[in-house]
Amino acid sequence: MESISYAEFSQELHSRVNRERLPASATIEVTRRCPLTCSHCYNNLPMSDREARRRELSYEEHCRLIDEIVEAGCLWLLYTGGEIFARKDFLDIYTYAKRRGLIITLFTNGTLITPEIADYLVEWRPFSIEITLYGYTKETYERLTGIPGSYERCIRGIKLLKERNLPLKLKSVAVTINKHELLDMERFAENEIGVEFKYDAMMNPRIDCSQSPLEVRLHPEEIVELDLADPGRIAEWRRIAEQFNGPATISDEVYICGGGVNSFAVDPEGKMSICVLSHMDTYDLRKGSFHDGWENFLQKVRHKKTTRLTKCVACQMKSTCGMCPANGELEAGDPESPVDFLCQVSHLRAHTLGFPIPAHGDCEYCEGGSGYESLMKSVEDLQRRARENRLRANINRFLPVLTEQKSASGCSSGGCNSCA
């Protein structure tokens, strides 16, 4: 029998999952408690928050939940937080899920990983482990996390996992505090540790709708400037735009994502929702079964109808925008409200990176709109700086060659003007 790759297997399975509306992919937050106090985080609570700990699902409740989602057809599971290892019984929960055959990814900040935890993960190997690196230097890392000593603990956790050849990836959040170290973090991950690295610049308000994380969110120009500095990101954005932007079936439903179709989320207290960011509609799994929550409650949420026409409904740039109802909930308290920030970034990226913007109705950032002239000025500034950076890079690349040639010729004065 001919074998197929994991990517092919996943793609074929997702096609079937979508057709049959199976809850194949789960995200479970085991806690919101965390030893770090990151200024950008959307859901962290102090480790000492006894009330938060009291409200968390117990080990037995997690086991019941796992049994029910496996019975319903779940295959992929992401465990996240908070910090997953803030729970003393997390490895017990994780092991139960592994025994039930789930393909598990772990999100962690790495600061609580010990040799014993790393050894255990060798025995019970996850599909993937992703550690968030908040800075390349101790100063930057701890300025963002707010906890002295957290940098060394994170690096120790990374090395413990890498030494055991576990499936590790590093990632970061791009914010005002650490944007100057993103390239260094990438080099550290890929060259020193030997693992994949990625970052995300799209910050959200907290799930209680506090806007505090937005204080460190990058401006649209800063986000696109980071794209311009990375040929790989430029190519990927162009590929996404070419493949997904353009005419699409206009839906009368609020949600057009996979939430409630092939995926779901469960918070630390057992509240099930369409995704980890959306908490406007939740189902209490402590009071009902997963089957009822998926087949009845979430299906109704997923098919909720729009109440008005906004510019997002017919927009043909959704794939390069990232707008979803959860963003509207968090930034405006309304899942149908467009998020201006995302719209601005999307248009700025398209103009600057040079992929087409399909017509999509009235929009502040299209020609004739109130934000168009300012946007195009930003595009001009970004492209000019990109040209200057490329020129500077080329000069720096050839300077050693010119220096060697000058030294070999014995000429150092430049008096003949031939070097010029």
Protein backbone atom coordinates (compact mmCIF):
# COMPACT_ATOMS: atom_id res chain seq x y z
CA MET A 1 0.00 0.00 0.00
CA GLU A 2 1.32 3.44 -0.94
CA SER A 3 2.11 5.62 2.07
CA ILE A 4 1.13 9.28 2.31
CA SER A 5 2.63 12.17 4.23
CA TYR A 6 1.13 13.54 7.43
CA ALA A 7 0.14 16.72 5.55
CA GLU A 8 -1.75 14.67 2.95
CA PHE A 9 -3.40 12.60 5.67
CA SER A 10 -4.43 15.74 7.54
CA GLN A 11 -5.82 17.44 4.44
CA GLU A 12 -7.86 14.40 3.39
CA LEU A 13 -9.21 13.93 6.89
CA HIS A 14 -10.16 17.60 7.27
CA SER A 15 -12.15 17.42 4.03
CA ARG A 16 -14.21 14.59 5.47
CA VAL A 17 -14.45 16.28 8.86
CA ASN A 18 -15.88 19.45 7.33
CA ARG A 19 -18.43 17.53 5.28
CA GLU A 20 -19.68 15.58 8.28
CA ARG A 21 -19.23 18.34 10.91
CA LEU A 22 -17.04 16.32 13.24
CA PRO A 23 -15.33 17.99 16.25
CA ALA A 24 -11.87 16.84 15.13
CA SER A 25 -9.79 19.61 16.69
CA ALA A 26 -9.95 20.78 20.32
CA THR A 27 -8.23 23.53 22.28
CA ILE A 28 -8.37 23.07 26.04
CA GLU A 29 -7.11 25.74 28.44
CA VAL A 30 -6.24 23.85 31.61
CA THR A 31 -5.60 27.03 33.63
CA ARG A 32 -5.25 30.77 33.31
CA ARG A 33 -2.68 30.90 36.09
CA CYS A 34 0.86 31.68 34.99
CA PRO A 35 4.21 32.48 36.66
CA LEU A 36 4.72 35.37 34.22
CA THR A 37 2.92 38.72 34.09
CA CYS A 38 3.28 39.53 30.39
CA SER A 39 1.85 42.91 29.46
CA HIS A 40 0.45 41.66 26.15
CA CYS A 41 -1.34 38.53 27.44
CA TYR A 42 -5.08 38.19 26.91
CA ASN A 43 -5.92 35.75 29.73
CA ASN A 44 -3.18 35.31 32.38
CA LEU A 45 -3.89 35.27 36.12
CA PRO A 46 -1.46 35.12 39.07
CA MET A 47 -0.18 31.72 40.21
CA SER A 48 -1.47 32.55 43.70
CA ASP A 49 -5.06 33.15 42.55
CA ARG A 50 -6.82 30.58 44.74
CA GLU A 51 -10.26 31.37 43.36
CA ALA A 52 -9.08 30.74 39.81
CA ARG A 53 -7.57 27.43 40.92
CA ARG A 54 -10.77 26.43 42.71
CA ARG A 55 -12.85 27.03 39.58
CA GLU A 56 -10.64 24.91 37.32
CA LEU A 57 -11.87 21.53 36.10
CA SER A 58 -10.62 18.69 38.28
CA TYR A 59 -8.55 15.79 36.98
CA GLU A 60 -11.66 13.59 36.98
CA GLU A 61 -13.63 16.20 35.03
CA HIS A 62 -10.85 16.42 32.47
CA CYS A 63 -10.88 12.65 32.06
CA ARG A 64 -14.65 12.67 31.48
CA LEU A 65 -14.24 15.47 28.94
CA ILE A 66 -11.51 13.56 27.10
CA ASP A 67 -13.67 10.43 27.00
CA GLU A 68 -16.56 12.40 25.53
CA ILE A 69 -14.58 14.24 22.85
CA VAL A 70 -12.84 11.05 21.74
CA GLU A 71 -16.24 9.35 21.45
CA ALA A 72 -17.43 12.30 19.33
CA GLY A 73 -14.51 11.93 16.90
CA CYS A 74 -11.88 14.34 18.20
CA LEU A 75 -8.35 13.58 16.99
CA TRP A 76 -6.19 16.70 17.48
CA LEU A 77 -5.85 18.35 20.88
CA LEU A 78 -4.02 21.50 21.92
CA TYR A 79 -3.32 22.01 25.62
CA THR A 80 -2.67 25.63 26.52
CA GLY A 81 -3.07 28.15 29.34
CA GLY A 82 -2.12 30.31 31.15
CA GLU A 83 0.84 28.05 31.72
CA ILE A 84 -0.04 24.36 31.45
CA PHE A 85 2.63 23.29 33.97
CA ALA A 86 1.16 25.63 36.58
CA ARG A 87 -1.12 22.68 37.30
CA LYS A 88 0.63 20.06 39.43
CA ASP A 89 -1.56 17.36 37.86
CA PHE A 90 -1.10 18.43 34.26
CA LEU A 91 1.03 15.43 33.31
CA ASP A 92 -1.68 13.15 34.70
CA ILE A 93 -4.30 14.89 32.53
CA TYR A 94 -1.97 14.82 29.53
CA THR A 95 -1.17 11.11 29.98
CA TYR A 96 -4.85 10.21 30.11
CA ALA A 97 -5.40 12.05 26.82
CA LYS A 98 -2.39 10.31 25.28
CA ARG A 99 -3.73 6.92 26.35
CA ARG A 100 -6.98 7.73 24.55
CA GLY A 101 -5.04 8.19 21.30
CA LEU A 102 -5.24 11.96 20.81
CA ILE A 103 -2.58 13.79 18.76
CA ILE A 104 -1.45 16.42 21.25
CA THR A 105 0.32 19.76 20.94
CA LEU A 106 1.54 21.62 24.03
CA PHE A 107 1.83 25.41 24.34
CA THR A 108 4.10 26.53 27.19
CA ASN A 109 6.43 29.37 28.16
CA GLY A 110 9.01 26.78 29.22
CA THR A 111 9.85 28.36 32.57
CA LEU A 112 8.47 25.48 34.69
CA ILE A 113 10.01 22.64 32.69
CA THR A 114 12.34 20.48 34.77
CA PRO A 115 14.56 17.52 33.80
CA GLU A 116 11.86 15.23 35.24
CA ILE A 117 9.14 16.80 33.05
CA ALA A 118 11.38 16.64 29.99
CA ASP A 119 12.18 12.96 30.66
CA TYR A 120 8.49 12.20 31.07
CA LEU A 121 7.72 13.81 27.70
CA VAL A 122 10.31 11.55 26.11
CA GLU A 123 8.35 8.57 27.40
CA TRP A 124 4.98 10.09 26.48
CA ARG A 125 6.02 12.00 23.37
CA PRO A 126 3.67 14.81 22.19
CA PHE A 127 3.09 15.61 18.55
CA SER A 128 4.58 19.08 19.04
CA ILE A 129 5.73 21.48 21.77
CA GLU A 130 5.74 25.23 21.18
CA ILE A 131 7.58 27.56 23.55
CA THR A 132 7.09 31.32 23.38
CA LEU A 133 10.35 33.28 23.53
CA TYR A 134 9.68 36.87 24.58
CA GLY A 135 13.10 38.34 23.84
CA TYR A 136 16.63 37.50 22.73
CA THR A 137 18.26 39.25 25.68
CA LYS A 138 17.47 38.88 29.36
CA GLU A 139 16.69 42.60 29.60
CA THR A 140 14.05 42.55 26.87
CA TYR A 141 12.58 39.19 27.86
CA GLU A 142 12.04 40.19 31.49
CA ARG A 143 10.84 43.67 30.62
CA LEU A 144 7.94 41.96 28.82
CA THR A 145 7.33 39.12 31.29
CA GLY A 146 7.82 41.26 34.40
CA ILE A 147 9.53 38.45 36.33
CA PRO A 148 13.26 38.48 37.27
CA GLY A 149 14.95 35.15 36.51
CA SER A 150 12.30 34.07 34.00
CA TYR A 151 14.70 34.39 31.05
CA GLU A 152 17.15 31.82 32.42
CA ARG A 153 14.32 29.45 33.28
CA CYS A 154 12.91 29.71 29.75
CA ILE A 155 16.28 29.05 28.11
CA ARG A 156 16.82 26.11 30.46
CA GLY A 157 13.44 24.67 29.46
CA ILE A 158 14.25 25.06 25.77
CA LYS A 159 17.58 23.28 26.14
CA LEU A 160 16.12 20.46 28.26
CA LEU A 161 13.62 19.66 25.50
CA LYS A 162 16.10 20.06 22.66
CA GLU A 163 18.69 17.83 24.38
CA ARG A 164 16.08 15.05 24.40
CA ASN A 165 15.23 15.55 20.73
CA LEU A 166 11.61 16.37 21.47
CA PRO A 167 9.51 17.97 18.68
CA LEU A 168 10.15 21.58 19.68
CA LYS A 169 9.28 24.85 17.96
CA LEU A 170 9.93 28.41 19.14
CA LYS A 171 7.70 31.39 18.53
CA SER A 172 7.29 34.95 19.71
CA VAL A 173 4.87 37.83 19.91
CA ALA A 174 6.00 40.97 18.12
CA VAL A 175 5.29 43.97 20.35
CA THR A 176 6.83 47.37 20.98
CA ILE A 177 9.08 45.96 23.70
CA ASN A 178 10.80 43.23 21.68
CA LYS A 179 10.40 44.02 17.96
CA HIS A 180 14.09 45.03 17.69
CA GLU A 181 15.14 41.51 18.71
CA LEU A 182 12.94 39.42 16.41
CA LEU A 183 15.74 38.76 13.93
CA ASP A 184 18.07 37.77 16.76
CA MET A 185 15.42 35.41 18.15
CA GLU A 186 15.01 33.83 14.73
CA ARG A 187 18.76 33.29 14.40
CA PHE A 188 18.93 31.87 17.92
CA ALA A 189 16.12 29.42 17.21
CA GLU A 190 17.25 28.28 13.78
CA ASN A 191 21.04 28.45 14.08
CA GLU A 192 21.80 27.84 17.76
CA ILE A 193 18.91 25.60 18.80
CA GLY A 194 18.07 24.17 15.39
CA VAL A 195 14.29 24.53 15.49
CA GLU A 196 11.60 26.35 13.53
CA PHE A 197 10.71 29.93 14.54
CA LYS A 198 7.67 32.09 13.85
CA TYR A 199 6.11 35.21 15.32
CA ASP A 200 2.74 36.94 15.42
CA ALA A 201 2.16 40.68 15.66
CA MET A 202 -1.63 40.68 16.01
CA MET A 203 -2.41 41.40 19.66
CA ASN A 204 -5.92 41.15 21.11
CA PRO A 205 -7.57 42.81 24.09
CA ARG A 206 -7.98 40.60 27.18
CA ILE A 207 -10.93 38.23 27.28
CA ASP A 208 -12.49 40.50 29.94
CA CYS A 209 -12.33 43.16 27.18
CA SER A 210 -9.63 45.16 28.96
CA GLN A 211 -7.68 47.00 26.26
CA SER A 212 -4.38 46.90 28.18
CA PRO A 213 -2.56 44.51 25.76
CA LEU A 214 -3.06 47.06 22.98
CA GLU A 215 -0.66 49.42 24.75
CA VAL A 216 2.22 47.30 23.42
CA ARG A 217 0.65 46.45 20.04
CA LEU A 218 2.69 47.53 17.04
CA HIS A 219 1.37 50.19 14.67
CA PRO A 220 0.29 48.95 11.22
CA GLU A 221 3.41 50.49 9.64
CA GLU A 222 5.66 48.61 12.07
CA ILE A 223 3.95 45.30 11.32
CA VAL A 224 4.32 45.66 7.55
CA GLU A 225 7.91 46.86 7.93
CA LEU A 226 8.66 43.56 9.66
CA ASP A 227 7.15 41.76 6.67
CA LEU A 228 9.39 43.72 4.29
CA ALA A 229 12.48 42.61 6.19
CA ASP A 230 11.68 38.92 5.62
CA PRO A 231 11.54 37.57 2.03
CA GLY A 232 9.85 34.42 3.32
CA ARG A 233 6.96 36.38 4.83
CA ILE A 234 6.59 38.45 1.66
CA ALA A 235 6.33 35.29 -0.44
CA GLU A 236 3.85 33.70 1.94
CA TRP A 237 1.56 36.73 2.07
CA ARG A 238 1.57 36.91 -1.73
CA ARG A 239 0.76 33.20 -1.95
CA ILE A 240 -2.16 33.57 0.47
CA ALA A 241 -3.50 36.60 -1.40
CA GLU A 242 -3.23 34.85 -4.76
CA GLN A 243 -4.85 31.67 -3.50
CA PHE A 244 -7.62 33.02 -1.27
CA ASN A 245 -8.36 36.70 -1.98
CA GLY A 246 -11.04 37.39 -4.55
CA PRO A 247 -14.72 36.61 -5.19
CA ALA A 248 -16.31 34.37 -2.61
CA THR A 249 -19.78 33.28 -1.65
CA ILE A 250 -21.32 35.94 0.56
CA SER A 251 -22.62 34.33 3.72
CA ASP A 252 -25.51 35.53 5.85
CA GLU A 253 -23.90 33.89 8.88
CA VAL A 254 -21.73 35.67 11.43
CA TYR A 255 -19.11 32.89 11.56
CA ILE A 256 -17.32 31.65 8.44
CA CYS A 257 -14.38 29.91 10.16
CA GLY A 258 -13.97 26.30 11.25
CA GLY A 259 -15.23 27.01 14.77
CA GLY A 260 -18.31 24.91 15.44
CA VAL A 261 -17.72 22.98 12.22
CA ASN A 262 -14.51 21.08 12.89
CA SER A 263 -13.14 22.68 16.06
CA PHE A 264 -14.05 24.00 19.50
CA ALA A 265 -12.46 25.36 22.67
CA VAL A 266 -12.91 24.68 26.39
CA ASP A 267 -11.80 27.15 29.06
CA PRO A 268 -10.38 26.21 32.49
CA GLU A 269 -13.85 26.19 34.07
CA GLY A 270 -15.37 23.85 31.49
CA LYS A 271 -17.10 26.48 29.37
CA MET A 272 -17.15 25.40 25.72
CA SER A 273 -17.09 28.03 22.98
CA ILE A 274 -16.47 28.36 19.28
CA CYS A 275 -12.81 29.41 19.87
CA VAL A 276 -10.45 30.45 22.68
CA LEU A 277 -11.01 34.16 22.02
CA SER A 278 -14.80 34.08 21.84
CA HIS A 279 -16.61 34.05 25.18
CA MET A 280 -19.90 35.71 24.28
CA ASP A 281 -21.66 32.35 23.82
CA THR A 282 -20.55 29.47 26.06
CA TYR A 283 -21.90 26.09 27.11
CA ASP A 284 -21.20 24.76 30.61
CA LEU A 285 -19.85 21.21 30.27
CA ARG A 286 -20.21 20.73 34.02
CA LYS A 287 -23.97 20.95 33.59
CA GLY A 288 -24.34 19.10 30.32
CA SER A 289 -22.68 16.65 27.97
CA PHE A 290 -20.21 17.40 25.23
CA HIS A 291 -22.60 15.77 22.75
CA ASP A 292 -25.36 18.22 23.64
CA GLY A 293 -22.94 21.16 23.61
CA TRP A 294 -21.59 20.27 20.17
CA GLU A 295 -24.72 19.01 18.42
CA ASN A 296 -27.13 21.60 19.75
CA PHE A 297 -25.54 24.64 21.38
CA LEU A 298 -22.47 25.19 19.19
CA GLN A 299 -24.35 24.33 16.03
CA LYS A 300 -26.79 27.16 16.79
CA VAL A 301 -23.91 29.56 17.52
CA ARG A 302 -22.17 28.56 14.31
CA HIS A 303 -25.26 29.31 12.25
CA LYS A 304 -26.05 32.62 13.91
CA LYS A 305 -27.27 35.10 11.27
CA THR A 306 -25.88 38.57 10.64
CA THR A 307 -28.11 41.42 11.74
CA ARG A 308 -26.71 44.11 9.45
CA LEU A 309 -24.52 44.65 6.42
CA THR A 310 -20.97 45.76 7.22
CA LYS A 311 -17.96 46.20 4.96
CA CYS A 312 -16.63 42.85 6.20
CA VAL A 313 -19.57 40.81 4.86
CA ALA A 314 -18.64 41.17 1.18
CA CYS A 315 -14.92 41.81 1.64
CA GLN A 316 -12.68 39.80 -0.67
CA MET A 317 -9.53 40.37 1.41
CA LYS A 318 -10.48 38.33 4.47
CA SER A 319 -7.62 35.87 4.08
CA THR A 320 -5.01 38.61 4.51
CA CYS A 321 -6.96 40.52 7.14
CA GLY A 322 -7.60 38.06 9.96
CA MET A 323 -10.88 39.67 10.95
CA CYS A 324 -13.26 37.33 12.75
CA PRO A 325 -16.23 37.75 15.11
CA ALA A 326 -14.00 37.12 18.14
CA ASN A 327 -11.91 40.17 17.21
CA GLY A 328 -15.08 42.23 17.02
CA GLU A 329 -16.20 40.94 20.40
CA LEU A 330 -12.94 41.83 22.12
CA GLU A 331 -12.33 45.22 20.51
CA ALA A 332 -15.89 46.51 20.17
CA GLY A 333 -18.09 44.19 22.22
CA ASP A 334 -19.88 43.15 19.02
CA PRO A 335 -18.97 40.16 16.80
CA GLU A 336 -20.24 41.97 13.72
CA SER A 337 -18.22 45.16 14.19
CA PRO A 338 -15.28 45.58 11.79
CA VAL A 339 -11.92 46.08 13.50
CA ASP A 340 -10.31 49.15 11.96
CA PHE A 341 -6.80 48.10 12.93
CA LEU A 342 -7.01 44.81 11.02
CA CYS A 343 -8.48 46.52 7.97
CA GLN A 344 -5.70 49.10 7.94
CA VAL A 345 -2.95 46.48 8.26
CA SER A 346 -4.45 44.39 5.46
CA HIS A 347 -4.65 47.27 2.98
CA LEU A 348 -1.23 48.61 3.92
CA ARG A 349 0.31 45.16 3.46
CA ALA A 350 -1.34 44.66 0.07
CA HIS A 351 -0.18 48.00 -1.34
CA THR A 352 3.32 47.72 0.10
CA LEU A 353 4.00 44.10 -0.85
CA GLY A 354 2.38 44.51 -4.24
CA PHE A 355 -0.54 42.12 -4.41
CA PRO A 356 -3.90 43.14 -5.88
CA ILE A 357 -6.79 44.46 -3.84
CA PRO A 358 -10.07 43.15 -5.26
CA ALA A 359 -13.04 45.49 -5.21
CA HIS A 360 -14.99 44.98 -2.00
CA GLY A 361 -17.39 47.87 -1.50
CA ASP A 362 -17.14 51.00 0.61
CA CYS A 363 -13.97 51.04 2.71
CA GLU A 364 -12.03 53.81 4.45
CA TYR A 365 -8.74 52.51 3.08
CA CYS A 366 -9.73 52.18 -0.59
CA GLU A 367 -9.41 55.05 -3.08
CA GLY A 368 -11.80 57.82 -2.13
CA GLY A 369 -12.04 56.69 1.47
CA SER A 370 -11.19 58.88 4.46
CA GLY A 371 -8.05 56.91 5.29
CA TYR A 372 -6.73 56.36 1.76
CA GLU A 373 -4.34 59.32 1.43
CA SER A 374 -2.73 58.68 4.81
CA LEU A 375 -2.42 54.99 3.96
CA MET A 376 -0.67 55.69 0.65
CA LYS A 377 1.75 58.06 2.39
CA SER A 378 2.64 55.18 4.73
CA VAL A 379 3.10 52.88 1.71
CA GLU A 380 5.49 55.38 0.14
CA ASP A 381 7.48 55.72 3.37
CA LEU A 382 7.70 51.94 3.85
CA GLN A 383 8.86 51.29 0.30
CA ARG A 384 11.45 54.07 0.50
CA ARG A 385 12.88 52.69 3.73
CA ALA A 386 12.93 49.20 2.25
CA ARG A 387 14.97 50.43 -0.73
CA GLU A 388 17.38 52.20 1.61
CA ASN A 389 17.78 49.07 3.73
CA ARG A 390 18.48 46.93 0.68
CA LEU A 391 21.07 49.42 -0.56
CA ARG A 392 22.70 49.54 2.86
CA ALA A 393 22.78 45.75 3.00
CA ASN A 394 24.42 45.54 -0.43
CA ILE A 395 27.05 48.11 0.52
CA ASN A 396 27.86 46.22 3.72
CA ARG A 397 28.08 42.98 1.76
CA PHE A 398 30.65 44.34 -0.70
CA LEU A 399 32.71 46.47 1.70
CA PRO A 400 34.95 43.55 2.80
CA VAL A 401 35.69 42.75 -0.84
CA LEU A 402 36.64 46.35 -1.63
CA THR A 403 38.81 46.52 1.48
CA GLU A 404 40.68 43.36 0.48
CA GLN A 405 41.22 44.65 -3.06
CA LYS A 406 42.52 47.97 -1.79
CA SER A 407 44.91 46.23 0.59
CA ALA A 408 46.17 43.89 -2.15
CA SER A 409 46.91 46.78 -4.55
CA GLY A 410 48.92 48.64 -1.93
CA CYS A 411 46.81 51.75 -2.45
CA SER A 412 45.22 53.36 0.55
CA SER A 413 44.97 57.04 -0.29
CA GLY A 414 42.37 56.92 -3.03
CA GLY A 415 44.17 59.85 -4.62
CA CYS A 416 43.78 58.58 -8.18
CA ASN A 417 40.01 58.61 -7.71
CA SER A 418 39.68 55.28 -9.54
CA CYS A 419 38.07 53.63 -6.52
CA ALA A 420 35.29 56.21 -6.61
